[in-house]
Amino acid sequence: AREHTSRATPGANAPTASCIARKPAAAAPFWLPVVPKAANAWPCKVNARFGKQYRLLKTDDFSSVFALRKQRSRLLLQVLQSENNDFGHARLGLVVSKKAAKRANARNYMKRVIREWFRLHRDELPPHDFVVRVRQRFDRSNAADARTELAQLMRVKK
């Protein structure tokens, strides 16, 4: 076995990172065994993701929902809804304007809260296209109110 040599500069009194690492004791191996990871370490279901099939991505998708004008509003949120879509499951589109929140991180937080609520409740929703528009800014202090409003607007019973 090759002995460990220090790479400290001559005359240096303070130990460096390379000389702090010492050769392990003779009984212990110089490498750590690799523990195999579980096949799926996430405790949630595989279909619990918010994949592209659950999103409204194209302008035409948004336009068709806006054209129907079937909407409900509360203080923080407005939900526009289409009739049954051809996909057999609910899809979500988000509109968060700079008027609602100037800072991008605030807009991203609001979108994250809405997406998470939709992801958890999409199996209970009818197969419609939904566009959720944020009317007023909300943050961590009143995100629970926004979730409650969203549940009321989507007509989901808890």
N, C-alpha and C. Protein backbone atom coordinates (compact mmCIF):
# COMPACT_ATOMS: atom_id res chain seq x y z
N ALA A 1 0.84 -1.18 0.00
CA ALA A 1 0.00 0.00 0.00
C ALA A 1 0.88 1.23 0.00
N ARG A 2 0.41 2.25 -0.67
CA ARG A 2 1.16 3.48 -0.80
C ARG A 2 0.88 4.39 0.40
N GLU A 3 1.92 4.93 0.97
CA GLU A 3 1.78 5.83 2.12
C GLU A 3 1.29 7.19 1.66
N HIS A 4 0.50 7.84 2.50
CA HIS A 4 -0.01 9.17 2.21
C HIS A 4 1.09 10.19 2.49
N THR A 5 1.31 11.07 1.52
CA THR A 5 2.29 12.14 1.73
C THR A 5 1.57 13.46 1.79
N SER A 6 2.05 14.32 2.62
CA SER A 6 1.45 15.64 2.77
C SER A 6 1.87 16.54 1.62
N ARG A 7 0.92 17.33 1.13
CA ARG A 7 1.22 18.26 0.05
C ARG A 7 1.37 19.69 0.57
N ALA A 8 1.57 19.82 1.85
CA ALA A 8 1.71 21.16 2.44
C ALA A 8 3.00 21.80 1.93
N THR A 9 2.98 23.08 1.80
CA THR A 9 4.16 23.79 1.34
C THR A 9 5.23 23.75 2.42
N PRO A 10 6.48 23.71 2.04
CA PRO A 10 7.54 23.68 3.05
C PRO A 10 7.50 24.93 3.92
N GLY A 11 7.61 24.73 5.19
CA GLY A 11 7.65 25.85 6.12
C GLY A 11 6.28 26.32 6.56
N ALA A 12 5.19 25.72 6.05
CA ALA A 12 3.85 26.15 6.45
C ALA A 12 3.49 25.47 7.76
N ASN A 13 3.05 26.24 8.74
CA ASN A 13 2.71 25.69 10.05
C ASN A 13 1.27 25.21 10.11
N ALA A 14 0.35 25.89 9.38
CA ALA A 14 -1.06 25.53 9.44
C ALA A 14 -1.33 24.34 8.53
N PRO A 15 -2.11 23.39 9.02
CA PRO A 15 -2.43 22.24 8.17
C PRO A 15 -3.37 22.66 7.04
N THR A 16 -3.19 22.08 5.89
CA THR A 16 -4.08 22.36 4.76
C THR A 16 -5.07 21.23 4.62
N ALA A 17 -6.00 21.38 3.71
CA ALA A 17 -7.04 20.37 3.52
C ALA A 17 -6.44 19.05 3.08
N SER A 18 -5.36 19.09 2.32
CA SER A 18 -4.78 17.84 1.84
C SER A 18 -4.03 17.09 2.93
N CYS A 19 -3.51 17.79 3.93
CA CYS A 19 -2.79 17.07 4.97
C CYS A 19 -3.69 16.73 6.15
N ILE A 20 -4.92 17.24 6.18
CA ILE A 20 -5.85 16.87 7.23
C ILE A 20 -6.38 15.46 6.96
N ALA A 21 -6.56 15.12 5.71
CA ALA A 21 -7.04 13.79 5.36
C ALA A 21 -5.92 12.79 5.63
N ARG A 22 -6.15 11.93 6.54
CA ARG A 22 -5.14 10.95 6.94
C ARG A 22 -5.52 9.57 6.42
N LYS A 23 -4.56 8.72 6.35
CA LYS A 23 -4.81 7.36 5.94
C LYS A 23 -5.60 6.68 7.04
N PRO A 24 -6.71 5.97 6.66
CA PRO A 24 -7.52 5.31 7.69
C PRO A 24 -6.74 4.19 8.36
N ALA A 25 -7.27 3.74 9.48
CA ALA A 25 -6.63 2.65 10.23
C ALA A 25 -6.53 1.42 9.35
N ALA A 26 -5.60 0.55 9.66
CA ALA A 26 -5.33 -0.63 8.83
C ALA A 26 -6.54 -1.55 8.74
N ALA A 27 -7.35 -1.63 9.81
CA ALA A 27 -8.50 -2.54 9.81
C ALA A 27 -9.62 -2.03 8.90
N ALA A 28 -9.74 -0.71 8.76
CA ALA A 28 -10.82 -0.14 7.96
C ALA A 28 -10.37 0.02 6.51
N PRO A 29 -11.25 -0.25 5.56
CA PRO A 29 -10.87 -0.06 4.16
C PRO A 29 -10.73 1.43 3.86
N PHE A 30 -9.94 1.76 2.84
CA PHE A 30 -9.72 3.17 2.52
C PHE A 30 -10.85 3.74 1.68
N TRP A 31 -11.87 2.96 1.35
CA TRP A 31 -13.02 3.43 0.59
C TRP A 31 -14.29 3.07 1.34
N LEU A 32 -15.33 3.80 1.11
CA LEU A 32 -16.61 3.51 1.74
C LEU A 32 -17.43 2.64 0.80
N PRO A 33 -18.11 1.64 1.32
CA PRO A 33 -18.93 0.81 0.44
C PRO A 33 -20.11 1.62 -0.12
N VAL A 34 -20.45 1.33 -1.35
CA VAL A 34 -21.56 2.02 -2.01
C VAL A 34 -22.83 1.26 -1.69
N VAL A 35 -23.81 1.98 -1.14
CA VAL A 35 -25.09 1.38 -0.80
C VAL A 35 -26.03 1.60 -1.98
N PRO A 36 -26.62 0.55 -2.54
CA PRO A 36 -27.53 0.76 -3.67
C PRO A 36 -28.78 1.50 -3.22
N LYS A 37 -29.26 2.39 -4.10
CA LYS A 37 -30.47 3.15 -3.80
C LYS A 37 -31.70 2.33 -4.12
N ALA A 38 -32.79 2.66 -3.47
CA ALA A 38 -34.06 1.99 -3.76
C ALA A 38 -34.51 2.37 -5.17
N ALA A 39 -35.31 1.52 -5.78
CA ALA A 39 -35.78 1.77 -7.13
C ALA A 39 -36.59 3.05 -7.20
N ASN A 40 -37.47 3.28 -6.23
CA ASN A 40 -38.25 4.50 -6.18
C ASN A 40 -38.27 4.98 -4.75
N ALA A 41 -37.47 6.00 -4.47
CA ALA A 41 -37.34 6.49 -3.10
C ALA A 41 -38.48 7.44 -2.72
N TRP A 42 -39.27 7.90 -3.70
CA TRP A 42 -40.34 8.85 -3.41
C TRP A 42 -41.56 8.11 -2.87
N PRO A 43 -42.16 8.61 -1.79
CA PRO A 43 -43.30 7.92 -1.19
C PRO A 43 -44.61 8.13 -1.94
N CYS A 44 -44.64 9.02 -2.94
CA CYS A 44 -45.90 9.32 -3.61
C CYS A 44 -46.10 8.41 -4.82
N LYS A 45 -47.33 8.43 -5.33
CA LYS A 45 -47.64 7.62 -6.49
C LYS A 45 -46.91 8.17 -7.71
N VAL A 46 -46.68 7.33 -8.69
CA VAL A 46 -45.98 7.75 -9.90
C VAL A 46 -46.82 8.76 -10.68
N ASN A 47 -48.15 8.56 -10.72
CA ASN A 47 -48.99 9.46 -11.50
C ASN A 47 -49.36 10.73 -10.74
N ALA A 48 -48.71 10.99 -9.62
CA ALA A 48 -49.00 12.19 -8.83
C ALA A 48 -48.23 13.40 -9.34
N ARG A 49 -47.49 13.25 -10.44
CA ARG A 49 -46.74 14.38 -10.99
C ARG A 49 -47.66 15.29 -11.78
N PHE A 50 -47.18 16.49 -12.05
CA PHE A 50 -47.94 17.47 -12.84
C PHE A 50 -47.32 17.50 -14.23
N GLY A 51 -47.58 16.45 -15.00
CA GLY A 51 -46.97 16.31 -16.32
C GLY A 51 -47.61 17.22 -17.35
N LYS A 52 -47.04 17.19 -18.56
CA LYS A 52 -47.52 18.06 -19.63
C LYS A 52 -48.95 17.75 -20.05
N GLN A 53 -49.38 16.51 -19.87
CA GLN A 53 -50.74 16.17 -20.28
C GLN A 53 -51.79 16.85 -19.41
N TYR A 54 -51.38 17.37 -18.24
CA TYR A 54 -52.31 18.05 -17.34
C TYR A 54 -52.24 19.56 -17.45
N ARG A 55 -51.47 20.08 -18.39
CA ARG A 55 -51.29 21.53 -18.52
C ARG A 55 -51.93 22.05 -19.80
N LEU A 56 -52.37 23.28 -19.76
CA LEU A 56 -52.74 24.00 -20.98
C LEU A 56 -51.47 24.71 -21.43
N LEU A 57 -50.99 24.36 -22.61
CA LEU A 57 -49.70 24.88 -23.06
C LEU A 57 -49.82 25.84 -24.23
N LYS A 58 -50.77 25.61 -25.11
CA LYS A 58 -50.85 26.39 -26.35
C LYS A 58 -51.82 27.53 -26.22
N THR A 59 -51.61 28.54 -27.02
CA THR A 59 -52.47 29.72 -27.02
C THR A 59 -53.90 29.33 -27.38
N ASP A 60 -54.06 28.40 -28.30
CA ASP A 60 -55.41 27.96 -28.70
C ASP A 60 -56.15 27.32 -27.54
N ASP A 61 -55.44 26.59 -26.69
CA ASP A 61 -56.07 25.97 -25.53
C ASP A 61 -56.62 27.04 -24.58
N PHE A 62 -55.81 28.06 -24.32
CA PHE A 62 -56.25 29.16 -23.46
C PHE A 62 -57.40 29.92 -24.11
N SER A 63 -57.29 30.18 -25.41
CA SER A 63 -58.31 30.96 -26.12
C SER A 63 -59.67 30.27 -26.09
N SER A 64 -59.66 28.94 -26.22
CA SER A 64 -60.94 28.23 -26.20
C SER A 64 -61.61 28.33 -24.83
N VAL A 65 -60.83 28.35 -23.77
CA VAL A 65 -61.41 28.50 -22.43
C VAL A 65 -61.90 29.93 -22.22
N PHE A 66 -61.12 30.91 -22.67
CA PHE A 66 -61.53 32.31 -22.52
C PHE A 66 -62.77 32.62 -23.35
N ALA A 67 -62.93 31.96 -24.49
CA ALA A 67 -64.06 32.24 -25.38
C ALA A 67 -65.38 31.79 -24.75
N LEU A 68 -65.37 30.73 -23.95
CA LEU A 68 -66.61 30.25 -23.33
C LEU A 68 -67.10 31.17 -22.23
N ARG A 69 -66.20 31.85 -21.55
CA ARG A 69 -66.52 32.82 -20.51
C ARG A 69 -67.35 32.22 -19.37
N LYS A 70 -67.20 30.93 -19.13
CA LYS A 70 -67.84 30.33 -17.96
C LYS A 70 -66.88 30.51 -16.81
N GLN A 71 -67.17 31.47 -15.94
CA GLN A 71 -66.21 31.84 -14.91
C GLN A 71 -66.85 32.04 -13.55
N ARG A 72 -66.01 31.90 -12.54
CA ARG A 72 -66.38 32.18 -11.16
C ARG A 72 -65.24 32.95 -10.54
N SER A 73 -65.56 33.87 -9.64
CA SER A 73 -64.52 34.71 -9.04
C SER A 73 -64.69 34.82 -7.54
N ARG A 74 -63.59 35.03 -6.88
CA ARG A 74 -63.54 35.38 -5.47
C ARG A 74 -62.54 36.53 -5.34
N LEU A 75 -62.16 36.84 -4.12
CA LEU A 75 -61.27 37.97 -3.86
C LEU A 75 -59.89 37.77 -4.49
N LEU A 76 -59.31 36.59 -4.30
CA LEU A 76 -57.94 36.36 -4.75
C LEU A 76 -57.84 35.73 -6.13
N LEU A 77 -58.81 34.88 -6.49
CA LEU A 77 -58.69 34.08 -7.70
C LEU A 77 -59.94 34.16 -8.57
N GLN A 78 -59.73 33.88 -9.84
CA GLN A 78 -60.81 33.74 -10.81
C GLN A 78 -60.55 32.45 -11.58
N VAL A 79 -61.60 31.64 -11.75
CA VAL A 79 -61.46 30.38 -12.47
C VAL A 79 -62.36 30.40 -13.69
N LEU A 80 -61.78 30.19 -14.85
CA LEU A 80 -62.52 30.04 -16.09
C LEU A 80 -62.49 28.57 -16.45
N GLN A 81 -63.60 28.07 -17.00
CA GLN A 81 -63.73 26.64 -17.20
C GLN A 81 -64.36 26.36 -18.56
N SER A 82 -63.87 25.33 -19.22
CA SER A 82 -64.46 24.91 -20.50
C SER A 82 -65.40 23.74 -20.26
N GLU A 83 -66.03 23.30 -21.32
CA GLU A 83 -66.83 22.08 -21.25
C GLU A 83 -65.87 20.89 -21.27
N ASN A 84 -66.43 19.70 -21.35
CA ASN A 84 -65.59 18.49 -21.35
C ASN A 84 -64.54 18.58 -22.45
N ASN A 85 -63.31 18.19 -22.10
CA ASN A 85 -62.25 18.13 -23.11
C ASN A 85 -62.14 16.70 -23.64
N ASP A 86 -61.34 16.54 -24.66
CA ASP A 86 -61.20 15.23 -25.30
C ASP A 86 -60.17 14.33 -24.62
N PHE A 87 -59.56 14.81 -23.55
CA PHE A 87 -58.47 14.08 -22.93
C PHE A 87 -58.92 13.15 -21.81
N GLY A 88 -60.11 13.38 -21.27
CA GLY A 88 -60.61 12.51 -20.21
C GLY A 88 -60.10 12.86 -18.82
N HIS A 89 -59.36 13.95 -18.68
CA HIS A 89 -58.91 14.38 -17.37
C HIS A 89 -58.82 15.91 -17.37
N ALA A 90 -58.77 16.47 -16.17
CA ALA A 90 -58.71 17.93 -16.03
C ALA A 90 -57.35 18.45 -16.46
N ARG A 91 -57.34 19.64 -17.04
CA ARG A 91 -56.09 20.32 -17.40
C ARG A 91 -56.12 21.72 -16.82
N LEU A 92 -54.94 22.25 -16.51
CA LEU A 92 -54.82 23.53 -15.82
C LEU A 92 -53.96 24.50 -16.61
N GLY A 93 -54.43 25.74 -16.68
CA GLY A 93 -53.64 26.84 -17.20
C GLY A 93 -53.59 27.94 -16.15
N LEU A 94 -52.48 28.64 -16.07
CA LEU A 94 -52.29 29.67 -15.04
C LEU A 94 -52.02 31.02 -15.68
N VAL A 95 -52.63 32.05 -15.11
CA VAL A 95 -52.38 33.42 -15.54
C VAL A 95 -52.09 34.24 -14.29
N VAL A 96 -50.86 34.69 -14.16
CA VAL A 96 -50.46 35.54 -13.03
C VAL A 96 -49.77 36.75 -13.63
N SER A 97 -50.43 37.88 -13.62
CA SER A 97 -49.90 39.07 -14.28
C SER A 97 -48.96 39.85 -13.38
N LYS A 98 -48.22 40.74 -13.99
CA LYS A 98 -47.35 41.62 -13.21
C LYS A 98 -48.16 42.61 -12.40
N LYS A 99 -49.39 42.83 -12.80
CA LYS A 99 -50.27 43.70 -12.02
C LYS A 99 -50.58 43.05 -10.67
N ALA A 100 -50.70 41.74 -10.65
CA ALA A 100 -50.98 41.04 -9.40
C ALA A 100 -49.77 41.03 -8.48
N ALA A 101 -48.59 40.84 -9.06
CA ALA A 101 -47.36 40.83 -8.27
C ALA A 101 -46.20 41.26 -9.16
N LYS A 102 -45.51 42.29 -8.75
CA LYS A 102 -44.42 42.82 -9.57
C LYS A 102 -43.22 41.89 -9.63
N ARG A 103 -42.90 41.25 -8.51
CA ARG A 103 -41.69 40.44 -8.44
C ARG A 103 -41.95 39.03 -8.96
N ALA A 104 -41.01 38.51 -9.73
CA ALA A 104 -41.16 37.18 -10.33
C ALA A 104 -41.25 36.09 -9.28
N ASN A 105 -40.51 36.23 -8.18
CA ASN A 105 -40.56 35.18 -7.17
C ASN A 105 -41.93 35.10 -6.51
N ALA A 106 -42.63 36.22 -6.38
CA ALA A 106 -43.98 36.21 -5.83
C ALA A 106 -44.95 35.55 -6.81
N ARG A 107 -44.80 35.86 -8.10
CA ARG A 107 -45.65 35.23 -9.12
C ARG A 107 -45.39 33.73 -9.17
N ASN A 108 -44.14 33.33 -9.09
CA ASN A 108 -43.81 31.90 -9.11
C ASN A 108 -44.36 31.18 -7.89
N TYR A 109 -44.33 31.82 -6.73
CA TYR A 109 -44.89 31.21 -5.53
C TYR A 109 -46.39 30.97 -5.69
N MET A 110 -47.09 31.96 -6.21
CA MET A 110 -48.54 31.81 -6.39
C MET A 110 -48.85 30.67 -7.37
N LYS A 111 -48.08 30.60 -8.46
CA LYS A 111 -48.29 29.51 -9.42
C LYS A 111 -47.98 28.16 -8.79
N ARG A 112 -46.96 28.10 -7.97
CA ARG A 112 -46.59 26.85 -7.31
C ARG A 112 -47.70 26.37 -6.37
N VAL A 113 -48.30 27.29 -5.63
CA VAL A 113 -49.39 26.93 -4.71
C VAL A 113 -50.58 26.38 -5.49
N ILE A 114 -50.94 27.04 -6.58
CA ILE A 114 -52.10 26.61 -7.38
C ILE A 114 -51.82 25.27 -8.05
N ARG A 115 -50.62 25.11 -8.61
CA ARG A 115 -50.27 23.84 -9.25
C ARG A 115 -50.29 22.69 -8.26
N GLU A 116 -49.79 22.93 -7.06
CA GLU A 116 -49.76 21.88 -6.04
C GLU A 116 -51.17 21.48 -5.63
N TRP A 117 -52.07 22.46 -5.47
CA TRP A 117 -53.45 22.15 -5.13
C TRP A 117 -54.08 21.32 -6.25
N PHE A 118 -53.86 21.73 -7.49
CA PHE A 118 -54.43 21.01 -8.63
C PHE A 118 -53.87 19.58 -8.69
N ARG A 119 -52.59 19.42 -8.46
CA ARG A 119 -51.95 18.10 -8.53
C ARG A 119 -52.58 17.15 -7.51
N LEU A 120 -52.87 17.67 -6.31
CA LEU A 120 -53.42 16.83 -5.26
C LEU A 120 -54.90 16.51 -5.45
N HIS A 121 -55.63 17.37 -6.19
CA HIS A 121 -57.08 17.21 -6.32
C HIS A 121 -57.55 16.90 -7.74
N ARG A 122 -56.66 16.66 -8.67
CA ARG A 122 -57.08 16.52 -10.07
C ARG A 122 -57.94 15.29 -10.32
N ASP A 123 -57.81 14.26 -9.50
CA ASP A 123 -58.64 13.07 -9.69
C ASP A 123 -60.09 13.34 -9.32
N GLU A 124 -60.36 14.35 -8.50
CA GLU A 124 -61.71 14.69 -8.08
C GLU A 124 -62.38 15.67 -9.04
N LEU A 125 -61.62 16.24 -9.95
CA LEU A 125 -62.14 17.27 -10.86
C LEU A 125 -62.75 16.64 -12.11
N PRO A 126 -63.75 17.30 -12.69
CA PRO A 126 -64.31 16.80 -13.95
C PRO A 126 -63.31 17.01 -15.09
N PRO A 127 -63.49 16.30 -16.20
CA PRO A 127 -62.53 16.42 -17.32
C PRO A 127 -62.75 17.71 -18.11
N HIS A 128 -62.45 18.83 -17.48
CA HIS A 128 -62.59 20.14 -18.11
C HIS A 128 -61.22 20.80 -18.18
N ASP A 129 -61.13 21.84 -18.99
CA ASP A 129 -59.95 22.70 -19.01
C ASP A 129 -60.23 23.86 -18.08
N PHE A 130 -59.30 24.13 -17.15
CA PHE A 130 -59.44 25.21 -16.18
C PHE A 130 -58.32 26.21 -16.41
N VAL A 131 -58.67 27.49 -16.37
CA VAL A 131 -57.67 28.55 -16.35
C VAL A 131 -57.87 29.30 -15.05
N VAL A 132 -56.84 29.34 -14.23
CA VAL A 132 -56.90 30.05 -12.95
C VAL A 132 -56.13 31.35 -13.12
N ARG A 133 -56.81 32.45 -12.85
CA ARG A 133 -56.21 33.78 -12.95
C ARG A 133 -56.11 34.37 -11.55
N VAL A 134 -54.95 34.83 -11.19
CA VAL A 134 -54.76 35.46 -9.88
C VAL A 134 -55.20 36.91 -9.98
N ARG A 135 -56.14 37.29 -9.16
CA ARG A 135 -56.66 38.66 -9.17
C ARG A 135 -55.90 39.56 -8.21
N GLN A 136 -55.51 38.98 -7.08
CA GLN A 136 -54.83 39.75 -6.05
C GLN A 136 -53.69 38.91 -5.49
N ARG A 137 -52.61 39.58 -5.14
CA ARG A 137 -51.42 38.88 -4.64
C ARG A 137 -51.71 38.16 -3.32
N PHE A 138 -51.17 36.97 -3.20
CA PHE A 138 -51.18 36.27 -1.92
C PHE A 138 -49.79 35.70 -1.68
N ASP A 139 -49.46 35.55 -0.39
CA ASP A 139 -48.16 35.01 -0.02
C ASP A 139 -48.37 33.93 1.03
N ARG A 140 -47.33 33.57 1.73
CA ARG A 140 -47.43 32.48 2.71
C ARG A 140 -48.45 32.77 3.80
N SER A 141 -48.62 34.03 4.14
CA SER A 141 -49.53 34.36 5.24
C SER A 141 -50.99 34.08 4.88
N ASN A 142 -51.37 34.22 3.62
CA ASN A 142 -52.75 33.96 3.24
C ASN A 142 -52.88 32.94 2.11
N ALA A 143 -51.89 32.07 1.95
CA ALA A 143 -51.95 31.01 0.94
C ALA A 143 -53.07 30.01 1.27
N ALA A 144 -53.35 29.80 2.54
CA ALA A 144 -54.44 28.90 2.92
C ALA A 144 -55.78 29.44 2.43
N ASP A 145 -55.94 30.77 2.48
CA ASP A 145 -57.16 31.39 1.95
C ASP A 145 -57.28 31.16 0.45
N ALA A 146 -56.16 31.25 -0.24
CA ALA A 146 -56.16 31.03 -1.69
C ALA A 146 -56.53 29.58 -2.00
N ARG A 147 -56.02 28.63 -1.22
CA ARG A 147 -56.36 27.22 -1.44
C ARG A 147 -57.85 26.98 -1.19
N THR A 148 -58.39 27.61 -0.15
CA THR A 148 -59.81 27.47 0.16
C THR A 148 -60.66 28.06 -0.97
N GLU A 149 -60.28 29.23 -1.45
CA GLU A 149 -61.00 29.84 -2.57
C GLU A 149 -60.95 28.94 -3.80
N LEU A 150 -59.79 28.38 -4.06
CA LEU A 150 -59.63 27.52 -5.22
C LEU A 150 -60.54 26.30 -5.11
N ALA A 151 -60.63 25.72 -3.92
CA ALA A 151 -61.51 24.57 -3.70
C ALA A 151 -62.97 24.97 -3.93
N GLN A 152 -63.36 26.17 -3.48
CA GLN A 152 -64.73 26.63 -3.68
C GLN A 152 -65.01 26.89 -5.16
N LEU A 153 -64.06 27.49 -5.83
CA LEU A 153 -64.27 27.83 -7.24
C LEU A 153 -64.28 26.60 -8.14
N MET A 154 -63.54 25.60 -7.77
CA MET A 154 -63.51 24.36 -8.56
C MET A 154 -64.62 23.40 -8.11
N ARG A 155 -65.35 23.77 -7.07
CA ARG A 155 -66.46 23.00 -6.55
C ARG A 155 -66.04 21.60 -6.09
N VAL A 156 -64.97 21.57 -5.30
CA VAL A 156 -64.49 20.29 -4.75
C VAL A 156 -64.86 20.25 -3.29
N LYS A 157 -65.55 19.18 -2.89
CA LYS A 157 -65.91 19.01 -1.48
C LYS A 157 -64.77 18.32 -0.77
N LYS A 158 -64.43 18.82 0.43
CA LYS A 158 -63.34 18.21 1.20
C LYS A 158 -63.80 16.98 1.92
